């Protein structure tokens, strides 16, 4: 079955069935990636060290998000 056929069949599902399908598809994509997690952990530690050494200033959350 082609992707187009799957989509066509999915469009004929009820709203609740389509929602359940979306949830399942989303969950299948939202898996942890240990390599990405490791990179972010290393970056967080570098930033913390830079802050502790006075090489990095921080701003309040209010300041960081004031323009959003």
N, C-alpha and C. Protein backbone atom coordinates (compact mmCIF):
# COMPACT_ATOMS: atom_id res chain seq x y z
N UNK A 1 0.85 -1.18 0.00
CA UNK A 1 0.00 0.00 0.00
C UNK A 1 0.89 1.24 0.00
N UNK A 2 0.57 2.18 -0.85
CA UNK A 2 1.39 3.40 -0.95
C UNK A 2 1.01 4.38 0.16
N UNK A 3 1.87 5.36 0.35
CA UNK A 3 1.60 6.41 1.32
C UNK A 3 0.30 7.14 0.97
N UNK A 4 0.10 7.43 -0.28
CA UNK A 4 -1.11 8.13 -0.71
C UNK A 4 -2.36 7.31 -0.37
N UNK A 5 -2.29 5.99 -0.53
CA UNK A 5 -3.43 5.13 -0.20
C UNK A 5 -3.68 5.11 1.31
N UNK A 6 -2.62 5.09 2.07
CA UNK A 6 -2.77 5.11 3.53
C UNK A 6 -3.42 6.41 3.97
N UNK A 7 -2.96 7.51 3.40
CA UNK A 7 -3.54 8.82 3.75
C UNK A 7 -5.01 8.86 3.35
N UNK A 8 -5.32 8.40 2.18
CA UNK A 8 -6.71 8.38 1.71
C UNK A 8 -7.59 7.57 2.64
N UNK A 9 -7.11 6.43 3.07
CA UNK A 9 -7.90 5.59 3.99
C UNK A 9 -8.02 6.26 5.35
N UNK A 10 -6.94 6.90 5.80
CA UNK A 10 -6.96 7.56 7.10
C UNK A 10 -7.98 8.70 7.12
N UNK A 11 -8.13 9.37 6.00
CA UNK A 11 -9.08 10.48 5.93
C UNK A 11 -10.53 10.02 6.05
N UNK A 12 -10.78 8.76 5.86
CA UNK A 12 -12.13 8.22 6.00
C UNK A 12 -12.43 7.72 7.41
N UNK A 13 -11.45 7.81 8.31
CA UNK A 13 -11.67 7.42 9.70
C UNK A 13 -12.50 8.49 10.40
N UNK A 14 -13.10 8.10 11.51
CA UNK A 14 -13.83 9.09 12.31
C UNK A 14 -12.82 10.04 12.93
N UNK A 15 -13.30 11.16 13.44
CA UNK A 15 -12.42 12.14 14.05
C UNK A 15 -11.65 11.53 15.21
N UNK A 16 -12.31 10.75 16.04
CA UNK A 16 -11.61 10.15 17.19
C UNK A 16 -10.58 9.12 16.72
N UNK A 17 -10.86 8.40 15.65
CA UNK A 17 -9.90 7.44 15.13
C UNK A 17 -8.69 8.16 14.52
N UNK A 18 -8.94 9.28 13.84
CA UNK A 18 -7.84 10.06 13.28
C UNK A 18 -6.97 10.64 14.40
N UNK A 19 -7.62 11.10 15.46
CA UNK A 19 -6.88 11.64 16.59
C UNK A 19 -6.00 10.55 17.20
N UNK A 20 -6.54 9.36 17.39
CA UNK A 20 -5.76 8.25 17.95
C UNK A 20 -4.58 7.92 17.04
N UNK A 21 -4.80 7.95 15.74
CA UNK A 21 -3.73 7.69 14.77
C UNK A 21 -2.64 8.76 14.89
N UNK A 22 -3.04 10.00 14.98
CA UNK A 22 -2.08 11.09 15.13
C UNK A 22 -1.25 10.90 16.39
N UNK A 23 -1.91 10.56 17.49
CA UNK A 23 -1.20 10.34 18.74
C UNK A 23 -0.17 9.22 18.61
N UNK A 24 -0.56 8.12 17.99
CA UNK A 24 0.36 7.00 17.81
C UNK A 24 1.55 7.39 16.93
N UNK A 25 1.28 8.11 15.85
CA UNK A 25 2.36 8.54 14.97
C UNK A 25 3.30 9.50 15.69
N UNK A 26 2.73 10.42 16.45
CA UNK A 26 3.55 11.38 17.20
C UNK A 26 4.43 10.66 18.21
N UNK A 27 3.86 9.72 18.94
CA UNK A 27 4.63 8.97 19.93
C UNK A 27 5.76 8.20 19.27
N UNK A 28 5.53 7.70 18.06
CA UNK A 28 6.58 6.95 17.38
C UNK A 28 7.75 7.83 16.98
N UNK A 29 7.51 9.14 16.83
CA UNK A 29 8.57 10.08 16.47
C UNK A 29 9.26 10.67 17.68
N UNK A 30 8.58 10.69 18.81
CA UNK A 30 9.05 11.37 20.01
C UNK A 30 9.84 10.42 20.90
N UNK A 31 10.89 9.83 20.35
CA UNK A 31 11.73 8.90 21.09
C UNK A 31 13.01 9.61 21.52
N UNK A 32 13.49 9.33 22.73
CA UNK A 32 14.75 9.95 23.15
C UNK A 32 15.90 9.49 22.26
N UNK A 33 16.83 10.38 22.04
CA UNK A 33 18.03 10.07 21.27
C UNK A 33 19.22 10.28 22.20
N UNK A 34 19.84 9.19 22.65
CA UNK A 34 20.94 9.32 23.61
C UNK A 34 22.08 10.20 23.11
N UNK A 35 22.36 10.18 21.82
CA UNK A 35 23.44 11.02 21.28
C UNK A 35 23.10 12.50 21.43
N UNK A 36 21.86 12.85 21.11
CA UNK A 36 21.43 14.25 21.24
C UNK A 36 21.39 14.65 22.71
N UNK A 37 20.88 13.77 23.55
CA UNK A 37 20.84 14.06 24.99
C UNK A 37 22.25 14.30 25.53
N UNK A 38 23.22 13.51 25.09
CA UNK A 38 24.61 13.66 25.54
C UNK A 38 25.18 15.01 25.11
N UNK A 39 24.90 15.42 23.88
CA UNK A 39 25.40 16.71 23.38
C UNK A 39 24.81 17.85 24.21
N UNK A 40 23.50 17.79 24.49
CA UNK A 40 22.87 18.85 25.29
C UNK A 40 23.41 18.86 26.72
N UNK A 41 23.67 17.69 27.28
CA UNK A 41 24.23 17.62 28.63
C UNK A 41 25.62 18.26 28.67
N UNK A 42 26.44 17.96 27.67
CA UNK A 42 27.77 18.56 27.60
C UNK A 42 27.68 20.07 27.44
N UNK A 43 26.76 20.53 26.62
CA UNK A 43 26.59 21.98 26.43
C UNK A 43 26.13 22.65 27.72
N UNK A 44 25.20 22.03 28.42
CA UNK A 44 24.73 22.59 29.69
C UNK A 44 25.87 22.68 30.70
N UNK A 45 26.72 21.66 30.75
CA UNK A 45 27.85 21.69 31.67
C UNK A 45 28.86 22.76 31.27
N UNK A 46 29.10 22.95 29.96
CA UNK A 46 30.00 24.01 29.49
C UNK A 46 29.46 25.38 29.89
N UNK A 47 28.17 25.57 29.72
CA UNK A 47 27.57 26.86 30.07
C UNK A 47 27.62 27.11 31.57
N UNK A 48 27.37 26.08 32.37
CA UNK A 48 27.42 26.22 33.82
C UNK A 48 28.84 26.57 34.26
N UNK A 49 29.83 25.89 33.69
CA UNK A 49 31.22 26.18 34.02
C UNK A 49 31.58 27.61 33.64
N UNK A 50 31.16 28.05 32.46
CA UNK A 50 31.43 29.41 32.02
C UNK A 50 30.78 30.42 32.96
N UNK A 51 29.57 30.13 33.41
CA UNK A 51 28.89 31.02 34.35
C UNK A 51 29.64 31.06 35.68
N UNK A 52 30.00 29.87 36.19
CA UNK A 52 30.72 29.79 37.46
C UNK A 52 32.05 30.53 37.41
N UNK A 53 32.70 30.54 36.24
CA UNK A 53 33.99 31.21 36.08
C UNK A 53 33.84 32.68 35.73
N UNK A 54 32.61 33.17 35.61
CA UNK A 54 32.38 34.58 35.32
C UNK A 54 32.54 34.93 33.84
N UNK A 55 32.59 33.93 32.97
CA UNK A 55 32.72 34.18 31.53
C UNK A 55 31.37 34.26 30.84
N UNK A 56 30.32 34.02 31.56
CA UNK A 56 28.98 34.03 30.98
C UNK A 56 28.02 34.69 31.95
N UNK A 57 27.35 35.72 31.48
CA UNK A 57 26.36 36.39 32.31
C UNK A 57 24.99 35.76 32.06
N UNK A 58 24.11 35.92 32.97
CA UNK A 58 22.76 35.42 32.75
C UNK A 58 21.76 36.56 32.94
N UNK A 59 20.59 36.36 32.41
CA UNK A 59 19.51 37.32 32.56
C UNK A 59 18.32 36.59 33.16
N UNK A 60 17.41 37.34 33.74
CA UNK A 60 16.22 36.74 34.32
C UNK A 60 15.33 36.18 33.22
N UNK A 61 14.46 35.27 33.60
CA UNK A 61 13.52 34.71 32.65
C UNK A 61 12.64 35.81 32.06
N UNK A 62 12.23 36.75 32.89
CA UNK A 62 11.40 37.86 32.42
C UNK A 62 12.11 38.65 31.33
N UNK A 63 13.40 38.92 31.55
CA UNK A 63 14.18 39.65 30.56
C UNK A 63 14.34 38.86 29.27
N UNK A 64 14.61 37.56 29.41
CA UNK A 64 14.82 36.71 28.23
C UNK A 64 13.57 36.63 27.36
N UNK A 65 12.39 36.65 27.98
CA UNK A 65 11.15 36.46 27.23
C UNK A 65 10.33 37.73 27.06
N UNK A 66 10.90 38.88 27.39
CA UNK A 66 10.10 40.11 27.36
C UNK A 66 9.58 40.48 25.98
N UNK A 67 10.29 40.12 24.93
CA UNK A 67 9.86 40.49 23.57
C UNK A 67 8.96 39.45 22.92
N UNK A 68 8.69 38.38 23.60
CA UNK A 68 7.85 37.33 23.00
C UNK A 68 6.38 37.58 23.22
